[in-house]
């Protein structure tokens, strides 16, 4: 049960965040007479991603790319999307709050923290196995291929892929895509109360 809730709720939260972002962009486009305000999708690659890379600059200093922006880093990130039970996982849904899961198995430590300016800082961990996760900070780079490169304080470097990158557009969300903004905001509030 723990695993299914942990995997399902972040996906709903991310979907909700994307839906709210899309609603806001629609309103801005309408208020600007339909003109393009420069906002672009960054998870799929292309020109919008390159522009965001240029804006961020090479902040990590290690040649792996710039630090990802708050928009770029939002998602549910795994080292191995084909083995989510044993993979390290980073859930980042508002561009600043981070939840790190060591894995979904017996060891499974869970840590909360923050993301800012290319740095993840973990502040509070729940030890769920016999070995405590001790890497409490990491630098994050955006190589430009839709992944993030995470280098932990111990020197461990991992490449994470976003599970939610291939979600599709709002048309694939069924009833969620038909909800009005107030219903989406109510759902977001409920998820926040549950810790997502």
N, C-alpha and C. Protein backbone atom coordinates (compact mmCIF):
# COMPACT_ATOMS: atom_id res chain seq x y z
N UNK A 1 0.83 -1.20 0.00
CA UNK A 1 0.00 0.00 0.00
C UNK A 1 0.87 1.25 0.00
N UNK A 2 1.93 1.25 0.82
CA UNK A 2 2.82 2.40 0.89
C UNK A 2 3.38 2.74 -0.48
N UNK A 3 3.82 1.70 -1.20
CA UNK A 3 4.42 1.91 -2.50
C UNK A 3 3.42 2.48 -3.50
N UNK A 4 2.21 1.92 -3.55
CA UNK A 4 1.26 2.37 -4.56
C UNK A 4 0.82 3.80 -4.30
N UNK A 5 0.64 4.18 -3.05
CA UNK A 5 0.27 5.57 -2.74
C UNK A 5 1.42 6.49 -3.07
N UNK A 6 2.66 6.07 -2.73
CA UNK A 6 3.82 6.91 -2.97
C UNK A 6 4.02 7.15 -4.46
N UNK A 7 3.76 6.14 -5.28
CA UNK A 7 3.94 6.31 -6.72
C UNK A 7 2.78 7.05 -7.37
N UNK A 8 1.56 6.86 -6.86
CA UNK A 8 0.39 7.46 -7.51
C UNK A 8 0.23 8.93 -7.17
N UNK A 9 0.36 9.30 -5.91
CA UNK A 9 0.08 10.68 -5.52
C UNK A 9 1.05 11.69 -6.12
N UNK A 10 2.37 11.41 -6.18
CA UNK A 10 3.24 12.38 -6.84
C UNK A 10 2.86 12.59 -8.30
N UNK A 11 2.45 11.52 -8.97
CA UNK A 11 2.05 11.66 -10.37
C UNK A 11 0.83 12.55 -10.50
N UNK A 12 -0.14 12.39 -9.58
CA UNK A 12 -1.33 13.25 -9.58
C UNK A 12 -0.93 14.68 -9.27
N UNK A 13 -0.03 14.86 -8.30
CA UNK A 13 0.41 16.21 -7.95
C UNK A 13 1.12 16.88 -9.12
N UNK A 14 1.96 16.14 -9.81
CA UNK A 14 2.67 16.71 -10.96
C UNK A 14 1.70 17.06 -12.08
N UNK A 15 0.75 16.17 -12.31
CA UNK A 15 -0.27 16.42 -13.33
C UNK A 15 -1.05 17.67 -12.99
N UNK A 16 -1.41 17.81 -11.72
CA UNK A 16 -2.13 18.98 -11.27
C UNK A 16 -1.31 20.24 -11.47
N UNK A 17 -0.02 20.18 -11.12
CA UNK A 17 0.85 21.34 -11.28
C UNK A 17 0.94 21.74 -12.74
N UNK A 18 1.08 20.75 -13.63
CA UNK A 18 1.14 21.05 -15.06
C UNK A 18 -0.17 21.64 -15.56
N UNK A 19 -1.28 21.11 -15.04
CA UNK A 19 -2.58 21.61 -15.46
C UNK A 19 -2.77 23.07 -15.03
N UNK A 20 -2.38 23.37 -13.78
CA UNK A 20 -2.51 24.75 -13.30
C UNK A 20 -1.61 25.69 -14.09
N UNK A 21 -0.40 25.23 -14.42
CA UNK A 21 0.50 26.05 -15.22
C UNK A 21 -0.10 26.32 -16.58
N UNK A 22 -0.68 25.30 -17.18
CA UNK A 22 -1.30 25.46 -18.49
C UNK A 22 -2.47 26.43 -18.42
N UNK A 23 -3.27 26.34 -17.33
CA UNK A 23 -4.39 27.27 -17.18
C UNK A 23 -3.89 28.70 -17.08
N UNK A 24 -2.84 28.93 -16.30
CA UNK A 24 -2.28 30.26 -16.14
C UNK A 24 -1.76 30.81 -17.45
N UNK A 25 -1.11 29.94 -18.25
CA UNK A 25 -0.58 30.39 -19.53
C UNK A 25 -1.71 30.73 -20.48
N UNK A 26 -2.82 29.96 -20.43
CA UNK A 26 -3.96 30.28 -21.28
C UNK A 26 -4.51 31.66 -20.94
N UNK A 27 -4.61 31.94 -19.62
CA UNK A 27 -5.14 33.23 -19.21
C UNK A 27 -4.21 34.35 -19.66
N UNK A 28 -2.86 34.16 -19.53
CA UNK A 28 -1.92 35.18 -19.95
C UNK A 28 -2.01 35.40 -21.46
N UNK A 29 -2.14 34.30 -22.23
CA UNK A 29 -2.23 34.43 -23.68
C UNK A 29 -3.47 35.21 -24.05
N UNK A 30 -4.59 34.94 -23.37
CA UNK A 30 -5.82 35.65 -23.67
C UNK A 30 -5.70 37.12 -23.32
N UNK A 31 -5.04 37.43 -22.19
CA UNK A 31 -4.92 38.83 -21.78
C UNK A 31 -3.94 39.58 -22.68
N UNK A 32 -3.05 38.88 -23.35
CA UNK A 32 -2.10 39.52 -24.26
C UNK A 32 -2.59 39.49 -25.70
N UNK A 33 -3.85 39.23 -25.87
CA UNK A 33 -4.40 39.20 -27.22
C UNK A 33 -3.92 38.00 -28.01
N UNK A 34 -3.57 36.92 -27.29
CA UNK A 34 -3.18 35.69 -27.98
C UNK A 34 -1.72 35.67 -28.38
N UNK A 35 -0.93 36.70 -28.00
CA UNK A 35 0.47 36.69 -28.43
C UNK A 35 1.28 35.72 -27.59
N UNK A 36 2.38 35.25 -28.13
CA UNK A 36 3.26 34.31 -27.45
C UNK A 36 4.10 35.09 -26.45
N UNK A 37 3.97 34.75 -25.15
CA UNK A 37 4.69 35.50 -24.12
C UNK A 37 6.06 34.91 -23.83
N UNK A 38 6.54 33.97 -24.65
CA UNK A 38 7.88 33.43 -24.48
C UNK A 38 7.92 32.18 -23.65
N UNK A 39 6.80 31.77 -23.02
CA UNK A 39 6.80 30.55 -22.22
C UNK A 39 6.89 29.36 -23.15
N UNK A 40 7.65 28.34 -22.73
CA UNK A 40 7.77 27.17 -23.58
C UNK A 40 7.93 25.92 -22.74
N UNK A 41 7.57 24.80 -23.32
CA UNK A 41 7.73 23.48 -22.69
C UNK A 41 9.20 23.12 -22.69
N UNK A 42 9.74 22.67 -21.55
CA UNK A 42 11.17 22.37 -21.50
C UNK A 42 11.47 20.90 -21.32
N UNK A 43 10.49 20.06 -20.98
CA UNK A 43 10.80 18.67 -20.72
C UNK A 43 11.04 17.88 -21.99
N UNK A 44 10.54 18.35 -23.13
CA UNK A 44 10.67 17.56 -24.34
C UNK A 44 11.86 17.92 -25.20
N UNK A 45 12.65 18.92 -24.81
CA UNK A 45 13.81 19.32 -25.61
C UNK A 45 13.41 20.36 -26.63
N UNK A 46 14.37 20.81 -27.41
CA UNK A 46 14.10 21.75 -28.48
C UNK A 46 14.51 23.16 -28.11
N UNK A 47 13.95 24.14 -28.82
CA UNK A 47 14.38 25.52 -28.67
C UNK A 47 14.09 26.07 -27.29
N UNK A 48 12.93 25.74 -26.69
CA UNK A 48 12.60 26.25 -25.36
C UNK A 48 13.62 25.80 -24.33
N UNK A 49 14.10 24.58 -24.46
CA UNK A 49 15.09 24.04 -23.53
C UNK A 49 16.40 24.79 -23.68
N UNK A 50 16.81 25.07 -24.94
CA UNK A 50 18.05 25.77 -25.16
C UNK A 50 17.98 27.19 -24.60
N UNK A 51 16.84 27.85 -24.77
CA UNK A 51 16.69 29.20 -24.23
C UNK A 51 16.79 29.19 -22.72
N UNK A 52 16.16 28.21 -22.07
CA UNK A 52 16.25 28.13 -20.61
C UNK A 52 17.67 27.85 -20.18
N UNK A 53 18.40 27.02 -20.94
CA UNK A 53 19.79 26.73 -20.64
C UNK A 53 20.61 28.02 -20.70
N UNK A 54 20.39 28.82 -21.74
CA UNK A 54 21.13 30.06 -21.88
C UNK A 54 20.83 31.00 -20.73
N UNK A 55 19.56 31.04 -20.30
CA UNK A 55 19.18 31.95 -19.22
C UNK A 55 19.81 31.52 -17.91
N UNK A 56 19.89 30.20 -17.67
CA UNK A 56 20.42 29.72 -16.40
C UNK A 56 21.92 29.90 -16.31
N UNK A 57 22.64 29.75 -17.44
CA UNK A 57 24.09 29.86 -17.41
C UNK A 57 24.71 28.60 -16.86
N UNK A 58 26.04 28.49 -16.97
CA UNK A 58 26.73 27.29 -16.50
C UNK A 58 27.06 27.47 -15.03
N UNK A 59 26.07 27.15 -14.16
CA UNK A 59 26.21 27.40 -12.73
C UNK A 59 26.91 26.31 -11.97
N UNK A 60 27.01 25.10 -12.55
CA UNK A 60 27.54 24.01 -11.75
C UNK A 60 29.05 23.93 -11.79
N UNK A 61 29.67 24.54 -12.77
CA UNK A 61 31.12 24.61 -12.80
C UNK A 61 31.81 23.29 -13.12
N UNK A 62 31.09 22.24 -13.46
CA UNK A 62 31.74 20.97 -13.72
C UNK A 62 31.61 20.54 -15.17
N UNK A 63 31.13 21.43 -16.05
CA UNK A 63 31.05 21.11 -17.46
C UNK A 63 29.89 20.20 -17.83
N UNK A 64 28.99 19.87 -16.89
CA UNK A 64 27.87 18.99 -17.18
C UNK A 64 26.64 19.77 -17.61
N UNK A 65 26.71 21.07 -17.61
CA UNK A 65 25.57 21.88 -18.01
C UNK A 65 25.19 22.83 -16.90
N UNK A 66 24.22 23.73 -17.20
CA UNK A 66 23.77 24.69 -16.20
C UNK A 66 22.91 24.04 -15.13
N UNK A 67 22.68 24.75 -14.06
CA UNK A 67 21.73 24.28 -13.05
C UNK A 67 20.33 24.38 -13.62
N UNK A 68 19.47 23.37 -13.40
CA UNK A 68 18.11 23.44 -13.92
C UNK A 68 17.30 24.53 -13.22
N UNK A 69 16.38 25.11 -13.96
CA UNK A 69 15.47 26.09 -13.37
C UNK A 69 14.42 25.36 -12.55
N UNK A 70 13.63 26.11 -11.80
CA UNK A 70 12.55 25.51 -10.99
C UNK A 70 11.57 24.77 -11.88
N UNK A 71 11.28 25.28 -13.08
CA UNK A 71 10.36 24.60 -13.99
C UNK A 71 10.96 23.31 -14.53
N UNK A 72 12.24 23.36 -14.90
CA UNK A 72 12.88 22.18 -15.47
C UNK A 72 12.98 21.03 -14.48
N UNK A 73 13.17 21.34 -13.20
CA UNK A 73 13.43 20.28 -12.23
C UNK A 73 12.15 19.67 -11.66
N UNK A 74 11.00 20.22 -11.98
CA UNK A 74 9.76 19.65 -11.46
C UNK A 74 9.50 18.28 -12.07
N UNK A 75 9.16 17.30 -11.20
CA UNK A 75 8.84 15.97 -11.69
C UNK A 75 9.17 14.88 -10.68
N UNK A 76 9.06 13.67 -11.13
CA UNK A 76 9.40 12.50 -10.33
C UNK A 76 10.56 11.81 -11.03
N UNK A 77 11.76 11.98 -10.50
CA UNK A 77 13.02 11.60 -11.14
C UNK A 77 13.55 10.30 -10.57
N UNK A 78 13.98 9.39 -11.46
CA UNK A 78 14.54 8.10 -11.07
C UNK A 78 15.87 7.85 -11.78
N UNK A 79 16.78 7.17 -11.08
CA UNK A 79 18.02 6.75 -11.71
C UNK A 79 17.72 5.69 -12.76
N UNK A 80 16.77 4.79 -12.46
CA UNK A 80 16.41 3.72 -13.40
C UNK A 80 14.89 3.60 -13.48
N UNK A 81 14.32 4.10 -14.56
CA UNK A 81 12.87 4.05 -14.73
C UNK A 81 12.35 2.63 -14.88
N UNK A 82 13.23 1.70 -15.22
CA UNK A 82 12.82 0.30 -15.40
C UNK A 82 12.90 -0.50 -14.11
N UNK A 83 13.44 0.11 -13.05
CA UNK A 83 13.56 -0.59 -11.77
C UNK A 83 13.26 0.39 -10.64
N UNK A 84 12.04 0.94 -10.65
CA UNK A 84 11.68 1.97 -9.67
C UNK A 84 11.67 1.45 -8.24
N UNK A 85 11.55 0.13 -8.05
CA UNK A 85 11.54 -0.44 -6.70
C UNK A 85 12.90 -0.26 -6.01
N UNK A 86 13.97 -0.27 -6.77
CA UNK A 86 15.31 -0.22 -6.19
C UNK A 86 16.05 1.07 -6.53
N UNK A 87 15.46 1.91 -7.33
CA UNK A 87 16.12 3.12 -7.80
C UNK A 87 15.99 4.26 -6.79
N UNK A 88 17.03 5.09 -6.72
CA UNK A 88 16.89 6.36 -6.01
C UNK A 88 15.85 7.20 -6.74
N UNK A 89 15.09 7.99 -5.98
CA UNK A 89 13.99 8.77 -6.54
C UNK A 89 13.96 10.15 -5.90
N UNK A 90 13.84 11.18 -6.72
CA UNK A 90 13.66 12.56 -6.27
C UNK A 90 12.31 13.05 -6.77
N UNK A 91 11.45 13.47 -5.84
CA UNK A 91 10.17 14.08 -6.20
C UNK A 91 10.26 15.57 -5.93
N UNK A 92 10.08 16.37 -6.97
CA UNK A 92 10.19 17.83 -6.86
C UNK A 92 9.00 18.40 -7.62
N UNK A 93 8.01 18.93 -6.89
CA UNK A 93 6.78 19.34 -7.56
C UNK A 93 6.47 20.82 -7.50
N UNK A 94 7.20 21.59 -6.74
CA UNK A 94 6.94 23.03 -6.77
C UNK A 94 8.21 23.81 -7.11
N UNK A 95 9.24 23.09 -7.55
CA UNK A 95 10.48 23.75 -7.94
C UNK A 95 11.39 24.07 -6.78
N UNK A 96 10.95 23.79 -5.54
CA UNK A 96 11.83 24.08 -4.40
C UNK A 96 11.79 23.00 -3.32
N UNK A 97 10.66 22.35 -3.10
CA UNK A 97 10.58 21.29 -2.08
C UNK A 97 10.97 19.95 -2.70
N UNK A 98 11.85 19.23 -2.00
CA UNK A 98 12.39 17.97 -2.50
C UNK A 98 12.06 16.85 -1.54
N UNK A 99 11.65 15.70 -2.06
CA UNK A 99 11.56 14.47 -1.28
C UNK A 99 12.45 13.44 -1.96
N UNK A 100 13.40 12.90 -1.21
CA UNK A 100 14.32 11.89 -1.74
C UNK A 100 13.95 10.54 -1.15
N UNK A 101 13.79 9.53 -2.02
CA UNK A 101 13.53 8.16 -1.59
C UNK A 101 14.74 7.32 -1.98
N UNK A 102 15.34 6.67 -0.98
CA UNK A 102 16.50 5.82 -1.28
C UNK A 102 16.08 4.67 -2.18
N UNK A 103 14.97 4.06 -1.88
CA UNK A 103 14.34 3.05 -2.74
C UNK A 103 12.98 2.72 -2.14
N UNK A 104 12.21 1.89 -2.84
CA UNK A 104 10.87 1.53 -2.36
C UNK A 104 10.90 0.18 -1.62
N UNK A 105 12.09 -0.35 -1.42
CA UNK A 105 12.22 -1.65 -0.77
C UNK A 105 12.50 -1.54 0.72
N UNK A 106 13.21 -2.52 1.25
CA UNK A 106 13.44 -2.62 2.70
C UNK A 106 14.29 -1.49 3.25
N UNK A 107 15.30 -1.03 2.49
CA UNK A 107 16.18 0.03 3.00
C UNK A 107 15.40 1.35 3.04
N UNK A 108 15.01 1.83 1.91
CA UNK A 108 14.00 2.85 1.72
C UNK A 108 13.99 4.10 2.56
N UNK A 109 15.14 4.65 2.98
CA UNK A 109 15.13 5.90 3.73
C UNK A 109 14.44 6.99 2.90
N UNK A 110 13.79 7.92 3.59
CA UNK A 110 13.06 9.01 2.94
C UNK A 110 13.50 10.32 3.57
N UNK A 111 13.90 11.29 2.74
CA UNK A 111 14.41 12.56 3.24
C UNK A 111 13.66 13.72 2.59
N UNK A 112 13.42 14.76 3.36
CA UNK A 112 12.82 15.99 2.85
C UNK A 112 13.89 17.06 2.78
N UNK A 113 13.72 17.98 1.85
CA UNK A 113 14.69 19.05 1.72
C UNK A 113 14.23 20.11 0.75
N UNK A 114 15.19 20.85 0.22
CA UNK A 114 14.89 21.96 -0.68
C UNK A 114 15.83 21.94 -1.87
N UNK A 115 15.40 22.63 -2.92
CA UNK A 115 16.24 22.85 -4.11
C UNK A 115 16.31 24.34 -4.37
N UNK A 116 17.52 24.85 -4.58
CA UNK A 116 17.70 26.25 -4.94
C UNK A 116 19.04 26.42 -5.63
N UNK A 117 19.05 27.14 -6.74
CA UNK A 117 20.28 27.52 -7.44
C UNK A 117 21.22 26.35 -7.69
N UNK A 118 20.67 25.23 -8.13
CA UNK A 118 21.51 24.10 -8.49
C UNK A 118 21.95 23.23 -7.34
N UNK A 119 21.38 23.42 -6.15
CA UNK A 119 21.78 22.64 -4.99
C UNK A 119 20.57 22.03 -4.30
N UNK A 120 20.66 20.71 -4.05
CA UNK A 120 19.68 20.03 -3.22
C UNK A 120 20.25 19.95 -1.81
N UNK A 121 19.45 20.37 -0.83
CA UNK A 121 19.84 20.28 0.57
C UNK A 121 18.78 19.47 1.31
N UNK A 122 19.16 18.30 1.80
CA UNK A 122 18.24 17.47 2.57
C UNK A 122 18.35 17.87 4.03
N UNK A 123 17.20 18.03 4.70
CA UNK A 123 17.21 18.54 6.07
C UNK A 123 16.71 17.55 7.10
N UNK A 124 15.88 16.60 6.68
CA UNK A 124 15.26 15.69 7.65
C UNK A 124 15.04 14.34 6.99
N UNK A 125 15.60 13.28 7.59
CA UNK A 125 15.47 11.94 7.01
C UNK A 125 14.79 10.99 7.99
N UNK A 126 13.94 10.13 7.43
CA UNK A 126 13.34 9.03 8.18
C UNK A 126 14.08 7.77 7.77
N UNK A 127 14.74 7.13 8.72
CA UNK A 127 15.53 5.93 8.44
C UNK A 127 14.59 4.73 8.47
N UNK A 128 14.48 4.05 7.34
CA UNK A 128 13.56 2.93 7.24
C UNK A 128 14.27 1.60 7.04
N UNK A 129 15.57 1.59 7.15
CA UNK A 129 16.34 0.36 7.00
C UNK A 129 17.47 0.34 8.02
N UNK A 130 18.40 -0.57 7.82
CA UNK A 130 19.50 -0.72 8.77
C UNK A 130 20.63 0.28 8.53
N UNK A 131 20.69 0.87 7.32
CA UNK A 131 21.76 1.82 6.99
C UNK A 131 21.15 3.20 6.72
N UNK A 132 21.69 4.20 7.37
CA UNK A 132 21.17 5.56 7.23
C UNK A 132 21.76 6.23 5.99
N UNK A 133 20.90 6.92 5.23
CA UNK A 133 21.35 7.72 4.10
C UNK A 133 22.03 8.96 4.66
N UNK A 134 23.29 9.20 4.30
CA UNK A 134 24.05 10.30 4.92
C UNK A 134 24.42 11.43 3.97
N UNK A 135 24.19 11.28 2.68
CA UNK A 135 24.48 12.37 1.73
C UNK A 135 23.38 13.41 1.84
N UNK A 136 23.68 14.53 2.48
CA UNK A 136 22.64 15.53 2.75
C UNK A 136 22.65 16.71 1.79
N UNK A 137 23.54 16.69 0.81
CA UNK A 137 23.51 17.76 -0.19
C UNK A 137 24.04 17.23 -1.52
N UNK A 138 23.64 17.91 -2.58
CA UNK A 138 24.06 17.52 -3.93
C UNK A 138 23.97 18.73 -4.85
N UNK A 139 24.83 18.74 -5.86
CA UNK A 139 24.72 19.75 -6.91
C UNK A 139 24.00 19.11 -8.09
N UNK A 140 23.22 19.92 -8.78
CA UNK A 140 22.40 19.42 -9.88
C UNK A 140 22.73 20.18 -11.15
N UNK A 141 22.93 19.44 -12.24
CA UNK A 141 23.20 20.05 -13.54
C UNK A 141 22.16 19.58 -14.55
N UNK A 142 21.94 20.41 -15.56
CA UNK A 142 20.99 20.14 -16.64
C UNK A 142 21.79 19.92 -17.92
N UNK A 143 22.10 18.65 -18.26
CA UNK A 143 22.94 18.39 -19.44
C UNK A 143 22.30 18.81 -20.76
N UNK A 144 20.99 19.02 -20.78
CA UNK A 144 20.33 19.45 -22.01
C UNK A 144 19.63 18.34 -22.75
N UNK A 145 19.62 17.12 -22.17
CA UNK A 145 18.96 16.00 -22.83
C UNK A 145 17.70 15.56 -22.10
N UNK A 146 17.18 16.40 -21.20
CA UNK A 146 15.96 16.08 -20.46
C UNK A 146 16.23 15.31 -19.18
N UNK A 147 17.48 15.00 -18.89
CA UNK A 147 17.84 14.35 -17.61
C UNK A 147 18.44 15.40 -16.69
N UNK A 148 18.64 15.01 -15.43
CA UNK A 148 19.43 15.83 -14.52
C UNK A 148 20.60 15.00 -14.01
N UNK A 149 21.73 15.65 -13.85
CA UNK A 149 22.92 15.02 -13.30
C UNK A 149 23.07 15.47 -11.86
N UNK A 150 23.05 14.51 -10.93
CA UNK A 150 23.10 14.83 -9.51
C UNK A 150 24.41 14.31 -8.92
N UNK A 151 25.20 15.20 -8.35
CA UNK A 151 26.46 14.82 -7.70
C UNK A 151 26.32 15.05 -6.21
N UNK A 152 26.26 13.94 -5.46
CA UNK A 152 26.10 14.00 -4.00
C UNK A 152 27.40 14.41 -3.33
N UNK A 153 27.31 14.87 -2.09
CA UNK A 153 28.48 15.34 -1.34
C UNK A 153 29.57 14.28 -1.24
N UNK A 154 29.19 13.01 -1.23
CA UNK A 154 30.17 11.93 -1.13
C UNK A 154 30.96 11.73 -2.42
N UNK A 155 30.51 12.37 -3.52
CA UNK A 155 31.15 12.19 -4.81
C UNK A 155 30.36 11.30 -5.75
N UNK A 156 29.34 10.62 -5.25
CA UNK A 156 28.48 9.79 -6.09
C UNK A 156 27.75 10.67 -7.10
N UNK A 157 27.89 10.35 -8.38
CA UNK A 157 27.21 11.09 -9.44
C UNK A 157 26.20 10.17 -10.12
N UNK A 158 24.95 10.65 -10.23
CA UNK A 158 23.87 9.85 -10.81
C UNK A 158 23.14 10.67 -11.86
N UNK A 159 22.62 9.99 -12.87
CA UNK A 159 21.78 10.62 -13.89
C UNK A 159 20.34 10.18 -13.65
N UNK A 160 19.45 11.14 -13.48
CA UNK A 160 18.04 10.88 -13.21
C UNK A 160 17.20 11.22 -14.43
N UNK A 161 16.18 10.39 -14.69
CA UNK A 161 15.22 10.65 -15.76
C UNK A 161 13.84 10.91 -15.14
N UNK A 162 13.08 11.78 -15.77
CA UNK A 162 11.78 12.18 -15.25
C UNK A 162 10.69 11.20 -15.69
N UNK A 163 10.09 10.51 -14.74
CA UNK A 163 9.01 9.57 -15.04
C UNK A 163 7.84 10.26 -15.74
N UNK A 164 7.64 11.54 -15.47
CA UNK A 164 6.47 12.25 -15.97
C UNK A 164 6.73 12.97 -17.29
N UNK A 165 7.93 12.79 -17.87
CA UNK A 165 8.28 13.54 -19.08
C UNK A 165 7.41 13.17 -20.27
N UNK A 166 6.93 11.93 -20.33
CA UNK A 166 6.14 11.49 -21.47
C UNK A 166 4.66 11.39 -21.16
N UNK A 167 4.16 12.25 -20.28
CA UNK A 167 2.76 12.19 -19.87
C UNK A 167 1.80 12.55 -20.98
N UNK A 168 2.25 13.33 -21.94
CA UNK A 168 1.33 13.78 -22.99
C UNK A 168 0.70 15.10 -22.58
N UNK A 169 -0.21 15.58 -23.42
CA UNK A 169 -0.84 16.87 -23.13
C UNK A 169 -2.10 16.68 -22.29
N UNK A 170 -2.74 17.79 -21.93
CA UNK A 170 -3.92 17.74 -21.06
C UNK A 170 -5.07 16.96 -21.66
N UNK A 171 -5.08 16.80 -22.97
CA UNK A 171 -6.14 16.04 -23.60
C UNK A 171 -6.14 14.58 -23.18
N UNK A 172 -5.01 14.10 -22.71
CA UNK A 172 -4.91 12.71 -22.28
C UNK A 172 -5.31 12.51 -20.82
N UNK A 173 -5.69 13.58 -20.12
CA UNK A 173 -5.96 13.48 -18.69
C UNK A 173 -7.42 13.18 -18.37
N UNK A 174 -8.23 13.03 -19.38
CA UNK A 174 -9.63 12.70 -19.13
C UNK A 174 -10.34 13.82 -18.40
N UNK A 175 -11.02 13.47 -17.30
CA UNK A 175 -11.84 14.43 -16.55
C UNK A 175 -11.01 15.57 -15.99
N UNK A 176 -9.74 15.33 -15.64
CA UNK A 176 -8.91 16.38 -15.08
C UNK A 176 -8.77 17.54 -16.05
N UNK A 177 -8.65 17.25 -17.34
CA UNK A 177 -8.52 18.30 -18.33
C UNK A 177 -9.78 19.14 -18.46
N UNK A 178 -10.94 18.60 -18.04
CA UNK A 178 -12.20 19.33 -18.13
C UNK A 178 -12.52 20.13 -16.88
N UNK A 179 -11.73 19.97 -15.81
CA UNK A 179 -12.01 20.68 -14.56
C UNK A 179 -11.70 22.16 -14.72
N UNK A 180 -12.47 23.01 -14.03
CA UNK A 180 -12.14 24.43 -14.08
C UNK A 180 -11.06 24.74 -13.06
N UNK A 181 -10.53 25.95 -13.11
CA UNK A 181 -9.39 26.34 -12.29
C UNK A 181 -9.65 26.19 -10.80
N UNK A 182 -10.85 26.54 -10.34
CA UNK A 182 -11.14 26.45 -8.90
C UNK A 182 -11.14 25.00 -8.42
N UNK A 183 -11.62 24.07 -9.27
CA UNK A 183 -11.60 22.65 -8.89
C UNK A 183 -10.17 22.13 -8.82
N UNK A 184 -9.33 22.56 -9.77
CA UNK A 184 -7.94 22.16 -9.75
C UNK A 184 -7.21 22.71 -8.53
N UNK A 185 -7.52 23.95 -8.15
CA UNK A 185 -6.89 24.54 -6.97
C UNK A 185 -7.33 23.81 -5.70
N UNK A 186 -8.60 23.40 -5.63
CA UNK A 186 -9.08 22.63 -4.47
C UNK A 186 -8.35 21.29 -4.38
N UNK A 187 -8.17 20.63 -5.51
CA UNK A 187 -7.46 19.35 -5.54
C UNK A 187 -6.01 19.54 -5.12
N UNK A 188 -5.39 20.63 -5.59
CA UNK A 188 -4.01 20.91 -5.21
C UNK A 188 -3.90 21.13 -3.70
N UNK A 189 -4.85 21.86 -3.11
CA UNK A 189 -4.84 22.10 -1.67
C UNK A 189 -4.95 20.80 -0.90
N UNK A 190 -5.82 19.89 -1.35
CA UNK A 190 -5.97 18.60 -0.68
C UNK A 190 -4.67 17.80 -0.75
N UNK A 191 -4.02 17.81 -1.91
CA UNK A 191 -2.74 17.09 -2.05
C UNK A 191 -1.67 17.69 -1.15
N UNK A 192 -1.65 19.03 -1.03
CA UNK A 192 -0.67 19.66 -0.16
C UNK A 192 -0.88 19.28 1.29
N UNK A 193 -2.16 19.18 1.71
CA UNK A 193 -2.46 18.76 3.07
C UNK A 193 -1.97 17.35 3.34
N UNK A 194 -1.97 16.52 2.31
CA UNK A 194 -1.50 15.14 2.44
C UNK A 194 0.02 15.05 2.33
N UNK A 195 0.69 16.18 2.08
CA UNK A 195 2.14 16.17 2.02
C UNK A 195 2.71 16.05 0.62
N UNK A 196 1.87 16.25 -0.42
CA UNK A 196 2.36 16.17 -1.80
C UNK A 196 2.21 17.49 -2.49
